[in-house]
Amino acid sequence: MQKYIREECANKRRMDMSRPCMLPDSTKKEILDMLVIERQVTSRLLMKIYEKVTRWYDDNGYEYACVVDIWGLDSRELVFEVVEGEITHVVIQFQDQLGHAVTFNHSPDEKNEGGVLIEILLKEMEQQPA
């Protein structure tokens, strides 16, 4: 019983710290309708919901989003925990034909505070016959 209470507390903490659900109301309604029609949570129903959630994220450009956990099966609240794979840092390196890094110039953006203007010189690669 104590294990169950600890898990519920941990799940509640995760819910409180998480961002709101990104799914549109129409998708949420479709999932609720699936639950009402089935009346019973089965592995097949969970798989259908999993596929619908994953498809929505894929269709909306969240290539790295995935369902990492499903919990609440023993309560009246079914929770699909999704990691959206938020990209926080991108490094771009341009290379010449020999694979050497191409340098670029940067300067502060005078119009936007904290912005940076970057000048990159791109060279078109020589086309080779197939």
C-alpha atoms as a PDB file:
ATOM      1  CA  MET A   1       0.000   0.000   0.000  1.00  0.00           C
ATOM      2  CA  GLN A   2       2.853   2.380   0.839  1.00  0.00           C
ATOM      3  CA  LYS A   3       4.482   1.662  -2.515  1.00  0.00           C
ATOM      4  CA  TYR A   4       1.232   2.590  -4.270  1.00  0.00           C
ATOM      5  CA  ILE A   5       1.007   5.849  -2.294  1.00  0.00           C
ATOM      6  CA  ARG A   6       4.663   6.716  -3.095  1.00  0.00           C
ATOM      7  CA  GLU A   7       4.070   6.087  -6.810  1.00  0.00           C
ATOM      8  CA  GLU A   8       0.942   8.245  -6.777  1.00  0.00           C
ATOM      9  CA  CYS A   9       2.839  11.071  -5.055  1.00  0.00           C
ATOM     10  CA  ALA A  10       5.702  10.807  -7.558  1.00  0.00           C
ATOM     11  CA  ASN A  11       3.251  10.830 -10.469  1.00  0.00           C
ATOM     12  CA  LYS A  12       1.426  13.851  -9.040  1.00  0.00           C
ATOM     13  CA  ARG A  13       4.741  15.708  -8.669  1.00  0.00           C
ATOM     14  CA  ARG A  14       5.610  14.933 -12.302  1.00  0.00           C
ATOM     15  CA  MET A  15       2.188  16.168 -13.422  1.00  0.00           C
ATOM     16  CA  ASP A  16       2.554  19.394 -11.431  1.00  0.00           C
ATOM     17  CA  MET A  17       5.998  20.080 -12.926  1.00  0.00           C
ATOM     18  CA  SER A  18       5.061  19.196 -16.513  1.00  0.00           C
ATOM     19  CA  ARG A  19       3.951  21.563 -19.220  1.00  0.00           C
ATOM     20  CA  PRO A  20       0.310  21.492 -20.341  1.00  0.00           C
ATOM     21  CA  CYS A  21      -0.804  18.964 -22.929  1.00  0.00           C
ATOM     22  CA  MET A  22      -0.003  20.119 -26.463  1.00  0.00           C
ATOM     23  CA  LEU A  23      -2.569  17.943 -28.191  1.00  0.00           C
ATOM     24  CA  PRO A  24      -5.381  19.963 -29.762  1.00  0.00           C
ATOM     25  CA  ASP A  25      -8.883  19.590 -28.359  1.00  0.00           C
ATOM     26  CA  SER A  26      -9.995  17.640 -31.441  1.00  0.00           C
ATOM     27  CA  THR A  27      -7.341  14.957 -30.856  1.00  0.00           C
ATOM     28  CA  LYS A  28      -8.131  14.836 -27.135  1.00  0.00           C
ATOM     29  CA  LYS A  29     -11.811  14.352 -28.004  1.00  0.00           C
ATOM     30  CA  GLU A  30     -10.974  11.507 -30.406  1.00  0.00           C
ATOM     31  CA  ILE A  31      -9.012   9.762 -27.655  1.00  0.00           C
ATOM     32  CA  LEU A  32     -11.815  10.266 -25.126  1.00  0.00           C
ATOM     33  CA  ASP A  33     -14.298   8.872 -27.651  1.00  0.00           C
ATOM     34  CA  MET A  34     -12.084   5.812 -28.082  1.00  0.00           C
ATOM     35  CA  LEU A  35     -12.134   5.292 -24.313  1.00  0.00           C
ATOM     36  CA  VAL A  36     -15.920   5.692 -24.145  1.00  0.00           C
ATOM     37  CA  ILE A  37     -16.531   3.261 -27.009  1.00  0.00           C
ATOM     38  CA  GLU A  38     -14.204   0.578 -25.630  1.00  0.00           C
ATOM     39  CA  ARG A  39     -15.384   1.033 -22.009  1.00  0.00           C
ATOM     40  CA  GLN A  40     -12.413  -1.016 -20.859  1.00  0.00           C
ATOM     41  CA  VAL A  41      -8.713  -0.220 -21.053  1.00  0.00           C
ATOM     42  CA  THR A  42      -6.986  -3.003 -22.963  1.00  0.00           C
ATOM     43  CA  SER A  43      -3.499  -3.324 -24.398  1.00  0.00           C
ATOM     44  CA  ARG A  44      -4.986  -2.907 -27.888  1.00  0.00           C
ATOM     45  CA  LEU A  45      -6.672   0.349 -26.864  1.00  0.00           C
ATOM     46  CA  LEU A  46      -3.471   1.621 -25.261  1.00  0.00           C
ATOM     47  CA  MET A  47      -1.622   0.837 -28.489  1.00  0.00           C
ATOM     48  CA  LYS A  48      -4.206   2.763 -30.558  1.00  0.00           C
ATOM     49  CA  ILE A  49      -3.900   5.785 -28.264  1.00  0.00           C
ATOM     50  CA  TYR A  50      -0.103   5.506 -28.320  1.00  0.00           C
ATOM     51  CA  GLU A  51      -0.142   5.475 -32.143  1.00  0.00           C
ATOM     52  CA  LYS A  52      -2.526   8.455 -32.311  1.00  0.00           C
ATOM     53  CA  VAL A  53      -0.386  10.530 -29.920  1.00  0.00           C
ATOM     54  CA  THR A  54       2.845   9.586 -31.700  1.00  0.00           C
ATOM     55  CA  ARG A  55       1.316  10.325 -35.129  1.00  0.00           C
ATOM     56  CA  TRP A  56       0.165  13.778 -33.975  1.00  0.00           C
ATOM     57  CA  TYR A  57       3.644  14.673 -32.760  1.00  0.00           C
ATOM     58  CA  ASP A  58       5.230  13.372 -35.998  1.00  0.00           C
ATOM     59  CA  ASP A  59       2.727  15.266 -38.164  1.00  0.00           C
ATOM     60  CA  ASN A  60       3.455  18.484 -36.290  1.00  0.00           C
ATOM     61  CA  GLY A  61       7.231  18.374 -36.640  1.00  0.00           C
ATOM     62  CA  TYR A  62       8.226  16.864 -33.300  1.00  0.00           C
ATOM     63  CA  GLU A  63      10.499  14.249 -34.821  1.00  0.00           C
ATOM     64  CA  TYR A  64      12.141  13.322 -31.535  1.00  0.00           C
ATOM     65  CA  ALA A  65       9.000  13.168 -29.388  1.00  0.00           C
ATOM     66  CA  CYS A  66       8.095   9.804 -27.933  1.00  0.00           C
ATOM     67  CA  VAL A  67       5.825   8.287 -25.318  1.00  0.00           C
ATOM     68  CA  VAL A  68       8.109   7.171 -22.498  1.00  0.00           C
ATOM     69  CA  ASP A  69       5.579   5.991 -19.931  1.00  0.00           C
ATOM     70  CA  ILE A  70       1.903   5.224 -19.446  1.00  0.00           C
ATOM     71  CA  TRP A  71       0.542   5.354 -15.938  1.00  0.00           C
ATOM     72  CA  GLY A  72      -2.692   5.749 -14.044  1.00  0.00           C
ATOM     73  CA  LEU A  73      -4.060   2.434 -15.291  1.00  0.00           C
ATOM     74  CA  ASP A  74      -5.478   1.651 -11.867  1.00  0.00           C
ATOM     75  CA  SER A  75      -7.143   5.052 -11.464  1.00  0.00           C
ATOM     76  CA  ARG A  76      -9.661   7.002 -13.504  1.00  0.00           C
ATOM     77  CA  GLU A  77      -6.916   9.124 -15.039  1.00  0.00           C
ATOM     78  CA  LEU A  78      -4.845   7.686 -17.872  1.00  0.00           C
ATOM     79  CA  VAL A  79      -1.549   9.541 -18.402  1.00  0.00           C
ATOM     80  CA  PHE A  80       0.765   9.210 -21.384  1.00  0.00           C
ATOM     81  CA  GLU A  81       4.109  10.769 -20.517  1.00  0.00           C
ATOM     82  CA  VAL A  82       5.699  12.252 -23.629  1.00  0.00           C
ATOM     83  CA  VAL A  83       9.241  13.557 -23.997  1.00  0.00           C
ATOM     84  CA  GLU A  84       9.203  16.116 -26.768  1.00  0.00           C
ATOM     85  CA  GLY A  85      12.919  16.131 -27.472  1.00  0.00           C
ATOM     86  CA  GLU A  86      13.280  19.890 -27.218  1.00  0.00           C
ATOM     87  CA  ILE A  87      16.369  21.023 -29.115  1.00  0.00           C
ATOM     88  CA  THR A  88      18.256  23.445 -26.883  1.00  0.00           C
ATOM     89  CA  HIS A  89      21.483  23.940 -28.822  1.00  0.00           C
ATOM     90  CA  VAL A  90      22.411  23.645 -32.484  1.00  0.00           C
ATOM     91  CA  VAL A  91      25.941  23.757 -33.859  1.00  0.00           C
ATOM     92  CA  ILE A  92      26.374  24.206 -37.595  1.00  0.00           C
ATOM     93  CA  GLN A  93      29.715  23.704 -39.263  1.00  0.00           C
ATOM     94  CA  PHE A  94      30.222  24.254 -42.958  1.00  0.00           C
ATOM     95  CA  GLN A  95      32.968  22.364 -44.750  1.00  0.00           C
ATOM     96  CA  ASP A  96      34.704  22.874 -48.045  1.00  0.00           C
ATOM     97  CA  GLN A  97      35.261  20.143 -50.626  1.00  0.00           C
ATOM     98  CA  LEU A  98      38.251  18.808 -48.685  1.00  0.00           C
ATOM     99  CA  GLY A  99      36.325  18.670 -45.416  1.00  0.00           C
ATOM    100  CA  HIS A 100      37.984  21.700 -43.819  1.00  0.00           C
ATOM    101  CA  ALA A 101      35.836  23.976 -41.678  1.00  0.00           C
ATOM    102  CA  VAL A 102      34.730  27.181 -43.416  1.00  0.00           C
ATOM    103  CA  THR A 103      35.066  30.252 -41.215  1.00  0.00           C
ATOM    104  CA  PHE A 104      32.467  32.980 -40.987  1.00  0.00           C
ATOM    105  CA  ASN A 105      32.267  36.515 -39.635  1.00  0.00           C
ATOM    106  CA  HIS A 106      29.865  37.633 -36.941  1.00  0.00           C
ATOM    107  CA  SER A 107      29.005  40.996 -35.398  1.00  0.00           C
ATOM    108  CA  PRO A 108      26.432  42.281 -32.895  1.00  0.00           C
ATOM    109  CA  ASP A 109      22.969  42.999 -34.289  1.00  0.00           C
ATOM    110  CA  GLU A 110      22.356  46.705 -33.717  1.00  0.00           C
ATOM    111  CA  LYS A 111      18.589  46.442 -34.293  1.00  0.00           C
ATOM    112  CA  ASN A 112      17.898  43.546 -31.912  1.00  0.00           C
ATOM    113  CA  GLU A 113      19.505  43.671 -28.474  1.00  0.00           C
ATOM    114  CA  GLY A 114      21.486  40.512 -27.812  1.00  0.00           C
ATOM    115  CA  GLY A 115      21.253  39.435 -31.445  1.00  0.00           C
ATOM    116  CA  VAL A 116      24.153  38.440 -33.641  1.00  0.00           C
ATOM    117  CA  LEU A 117      24.550  38.921 -37.385  1.00  0.00           C
ATOM    118  CA  ILE A 118      26.418  36.120 -39.087  1.00  0.00           C
ATOM    119  CA  GLU A 119      27.924  36.262 -42.548  1.00  0.00           C
ATOM    120  CA  ILE A 120      28.524  32.885 -44.114  1.00  0.00           C
ATOM    121  CA  LEU A 121      30.171  32.386 -47.455  1.00  0.00           C
ATOM    122  CA  LEU A 122      28.773  29.295 -49.129  1.00  0.00           C
ATOM    123  CA  LYS A 123      30.367  27.851 -52.217  1.00  0.00           C
ATOM    124  CA  GLU A 124      28.541  25.553 -54.562  1.00  0.00           C
ATOM    125  CA  MET A 125      30.180  22.188 -54.901  1.00  0.00           C
ATOM    126  CA  GLU A 126      31.301  21.058 -58.304  1.00  0.00           C
ATOM    127  CA  GLN A 127      28.797  18.709 -59.846  1.00  0.00           C
ATOM    128  CA  GLN A 128      30.041  15.255 -60.607  1.00  0.00           C
ATOM    129  CA  PRO A 129      28.543  12.886 -63.168  1.00  0.00           C
ATOM    130  CA  ALA A 130      26.529  10.015 -61.734  1.00  0.00           C
END
